[in-house]
Amino acid sequence: MLILIIVDASNAGSGDLDVEVRCNGQVVKIRREPLGQSQYRYTYIPKQGGEHLIDVQYNYESVPGKFRF
């Protein structure tokens, strides 16, 4: 099953965007595709079961909120 994450940073101003996904404490390999106008598509295929935590950072600071599935 392909997991799709869309991030719209168009209102955030200039800076560095980073998304990291972890499952059972290990970083999951994800693919980033720029969509234009500060929007990005991240995709990955889970390799193991368990809760997946998504850490979104902008300018090296975590974006508030809990992102998990």
N, C-alpha and C. Protein backbone atom coordinates (compact mmCIF):
# COMPACT_ATOMS: atom_id res chain seq x y z
N MET A 1 0.85 -1.17 0.00
CA MET A 1 0.00 0.00 0.00
C MET A 1 0.90 1.24 0.00
N LEU A 2 0.72 2.11 -0.95
CA LEU A 2 1.47 3.35 -1.06
C LEU A 2 0.86 4.40 -0.15
N ILE A 3 1.69 5.05 0.66
CA ILE A 3 1.25 6.13 1.55
C ILE A 3 1.64 7.44 0.89
N LEU A 4 0.71 8.38 0.84
CA LEU A 4 0.90 9.66 0.20
C LEU A 4 0.72 10.78 1.22
N ILE A 5 1.69 11.70 1.27
CA ILE A 5 1.63 12.86 2.17
C ILE A 5 1.84 14.09 1.30
N ILE A 6 0.91 15.04 1.37
CA ILE A 6 1.05 16.30 0.65
C ILE A 6 1.31 17.40 1.66
N VAL A 7 2.37 18.18 1.42
CA VAL A 7 2.71 19.30 2.30
C VAL A 7 2.62 20.58 1.49
N ASP A 8 1.83 21.52 2.00
CA ASP A 8 1.69 22.83 1.36
C ASP A 8 2.38 23.85 2.26
N ALA A 9 3.54 24.32 1.83
CA ALA A 9 4.30 25.30 2.61
C ALA A 9 4.24 26.68 1.97
N SER A 10 3.24 26.91 1.15
CA SER A 10 3.17 28.17 0.40
C SER A 10 2.97 29.39 1.29
N ASN A 11 2.41 29.21 2.48
CA ASN A 11 2.21 30.35 3.39
C ASN A 11 3.28 30.44 4.46
N ALA A 12 4.30 29.62 4.38
CA ALA A 12 5.32 29.56 5.44
C ALA A 12 6.49 30.51 5.20
N GLY A 13 6.61 31.08 4.04
CA GLY A 13 7.76 31.92 3.73
C GLY A 13 8.92 31.06 3.25
N SER A 14 10.06 31.70 3.05
CA SER A 14 11.20 30.94 2.56
C SER A 14 11.84 30.15 3.69
N GLY A 15 12.37 28.99 3.36
CA GLY A 15 13.01 28.15 4.36
C GLY A 15 13.18 26.73 3.88
N ASP A 16 13.70 25.89 4.77
CA ASP A 16 13.94 24.49 4.46
C ASP A 16 12.85 23.61 5.05
N LEU A 17 12.27 22.77 4.22
CA LEU A 17 11.24 21.82 4.64
C LEU A 17 11.83 20.43 4.67
N ASP A 18 11.53 19.68 5.73
CA ASP A 18 12.00 18.31 5.84
C ASP A 18 10.90 17.46 6.47
N VAL A 19 10.69 16.28 5.93
CA VAL A 19 9.71 15.33 6.48
C VAL A 19 10.44 14.02 6.74
N GLU A 20 10.24 13.49 7.94
CA GLU A 20 10.85 12.20 8.30
C GLU A 20 9.76 11.30 8.85
N VAL A 21 9.78 10.04 8.43
CA VAL A 21 8.83 9.04 8.91
C VAL A 21 9.62 7.98 9.66
N ARG A 22 9.09 7.61 10.85
CA ARG A 22 9.73 6.56 11.66
C ARG A 22 8.69 5.49 12.02
N CYS A 23 9.17 4.26 12.04
CA CYS A 23 8.35 3.13 12.48
C CYS A 23 9.23 2.25 13.37
N ASN A 24 8.76 1.98 14.57
CA ASN A 24 9.52 1.19 15.54
C ASN A 24 10.92 1.75 15.75
N GLY A 25 11.02 3.09 15.77
CA GLY A 25 12.29 3.75 16.03
C GLY A 25 13.24 3.85 14.86
N GLN A 26 12.85 3.33 13.71
CA GLN A 26 13.73 3.36 12.55
C GLN A 26 13.19 4.30 11.48
N VAL A 27 14.10 5.03 10.83
CA VAL A 27 13.71 5.95 9.76
C VAL A 27 13.26 5.14 8.54
N VAL A 28 12.14 5.54 7.97
CA VAL A 28 11.57 4.89 6.79
C VAL A 28 11.98 5.72 5.57
N LYS A 29 12.44 5.05 4.52
CA LYS A 29 12.84 5.74 3.29
C LYS A 29 11.60 6.30 2.60
N ILE A 30 11.64 7.62 2.29
CA ILE A 30 10.53 8.26 1.61
C ILE A 30 11.03 8.97 0.35
N ARG A 31 10.12 9.21 -0.55
CA ARG A 31 10.44 9.91 -1.80
C ARG A 31 9.77 11.27 -1.77
N ARG A 32 10.51 12.31 -2.14
CA ARG A 32 9.99 13.69 -2.17
C ARG A 32 9.92 14.17 -3.60
N GLU A 33 8.76 14.71 -3.97
CA GLU A 33 8.57 15.26 -5.31
C GLU A 33 8.03 16.68 -5.19
N PRO A 34 8.75 17.68 -5.71
CA PRO A 34 8.21 19.03 -5.71
C PRO A 34 7.05 19.15 -6.70
N LEU A 35 5.99 19.78 -6.26
CA LEU A 35 4.82 19.97 -7.11
C LEU A 35 4.73 21.40 -7.64
N GLY A 36 5.61 22.27 -7.16
CA GLY A 36 5.58 23.68 -7.54
C GLY A 36 4.86 24.51 -6.51
N GLN A 37 5.15 25.80 -6.49
CA GLN A 37 4.50 26.75 -5.59
C GLN A 37 4.59 26.31 -4.13
N SER A 38 5.76 25.82 -3.73
CA SER A 38 6.04 25.40 -2.35
C SER A 38 5.15 24.26 -1.87
N GLN A 39 4.75 23.39 -2.78
CA GLN A 39 3.99 22.20 -2.42
C GLN A 39 4.82 20.98 -2.78
N TYR A 40 4.72 19.94 -1.92
CA TYR A 40 5.53 18.73 -2.09
C TYR A 40 4.69 17.50 -1.85
N ARG A 41 5.03 16.44 -2.58
CA ARG A 41 4.39 15.14 -2.39
C ARG A 41 5.46 14.19 -1.86
N TYR A 42 5.16 13.54 -0.74
CA TYR A 42 6.04 12.53 -0.15
C TYR A 42 5.30 11.20 -0.24
N THR A 43 6.01 10.16 -0.67
CA THR A 43 5.40 8.84 -0.77
C THR A 43 6.36 7.79 -0.21
N TYR A 44 5.77 6.74 0.30
CA TYR A 44 6.55 5.58 0.73
C TYR A 44 5.64 4.38 0.86
N ILE A 45 6.26 3.22 0.91
CA ILE A 45 5.54 1.96 1.11
C ILE A 45 6.02 1.37 2.42
N PRO A 46 5.12 1.23 3.41
CA PRO A 46 5.52 0.65 4.70
C PRO A 46 6.07 -0.77 4.52
N LYS A 47 7.18 -1.05 5.17
CA LYS A 47 7.80 -2.37 5.09
C LYS A 47 7.47 -3.23 6.30
N GLN A 48 6.94 -2.60 7.37
CA GLN A 48 6.59 -3.34 8.57
C GLN A 48 5.36 -2.73 9.23
N GLY A 49 4.70 -3.52 10.06
CA GLY A 49 3.54 -3.04 10.77
C GLY A 49 3.94 -2.18 11.95
N GLY A 50 2.98 -1.52 12.52
CA GLY A 50 3.23 -0.68 13.68
C GLY A 50 2.88 0.77 13.38
N GLU A 51 2.92 1.57 14.43
CA GLU A 51 2.60 2.99 14.30
C GLU A 51 3.72 3.72 13.55
N HIS A 52 3.33 4.54 12.62
CA HIS A 52 4.28 5.36 11.86
C HIS A 52 4.14 6.80 12.34
N LEU A 53 5.24 7.40 12.76
CA LEU A 53 5.24 8.79 13.21
C LEU A 53 5.86 9.66 12.13
N ILE A 54 5.22 10.78 11.86
CA ILE A 54 5.69 11.70 10.83
C ILE A 54 6.16 12.98 11.51
N ASP A 55 7.42 13.34 11.27
CA ASP A 55 7.99 14.57 11.82
C ASP A 55 8.17 15.56 10.67
N VAL A 56 7.45 16.66 10.72
CA VAL A 56 7.58 17.71 9.72
C VAL A 56 8.37 18.84 10.35
N GLN A 57 9.45 19.24 9.69
CA GLN A 57 10.29 20.33 10.20
C GLN A 57 10.39 21.42 9.15
N TYR A 58 10.37 22.66 9.63
CA TYR A 58 10.55 23.81 8.76
C TYR A 58 11.62 24.69 9.38
N ASN A 59 12.66 24.97 8.63
CA ASN A 59 13.83 25.69 9.14
C ASN A 59 14.37 25.01 10.39
N TYR A 60 14.43 23.69 10.35
CA TYR A 60 15.03 22.84 11.40
C TYR A 60 14.26 22.87 12.72
N GLU A 61 13.01 23.29 12.70
CA GLU A 61 12.15 23.27 13.89
C GLU A 61 10.92 22.44 13.58
N SER A 62 10.54 21.58 14.52
CA SER A 62 9.36 20.74 14.30
C SER A 62 8.10 21.57 14.21
N VAL A 63 7.25 21.21 13.26
CA VAL A 63 5.94 21.84 13.11
C VAL A 63 5.06 21.25 14.21
N PRO A 64 4.37 22.10 14.99
CA PRO A 64 3.54 21.59 16.09
C PRO A 64 2.45 20.64 15.58
N GLY A 65 2.16 19.65 16.38
CA GLY A 65 1.10 18.70 16.07
C GLY A 65 1.63 17.28 16.08
N LYS A 66 0.74 16.35 16.18
CA LYS A 66 1.07 14.93 16.14
C LYS A 66 0.59 14.36 14.83
N PHE A 67 1.50 13.83 14.08
CA PHE A 67 1.16 13.22 12.80
C PHE A 67 1.51 11.75 12.91
N ARG A 68 0.51 10.89 12.90
CA ARG A 68 0.75 9.47 13.01
C ARG A 68 -0.38 8.71 12.33
N PHE A 69 -0.08 7.47 12.00
CA PHE A 69 -1.11 6.56 11.47
C PHE A 69 -0.67 5.15 11.71
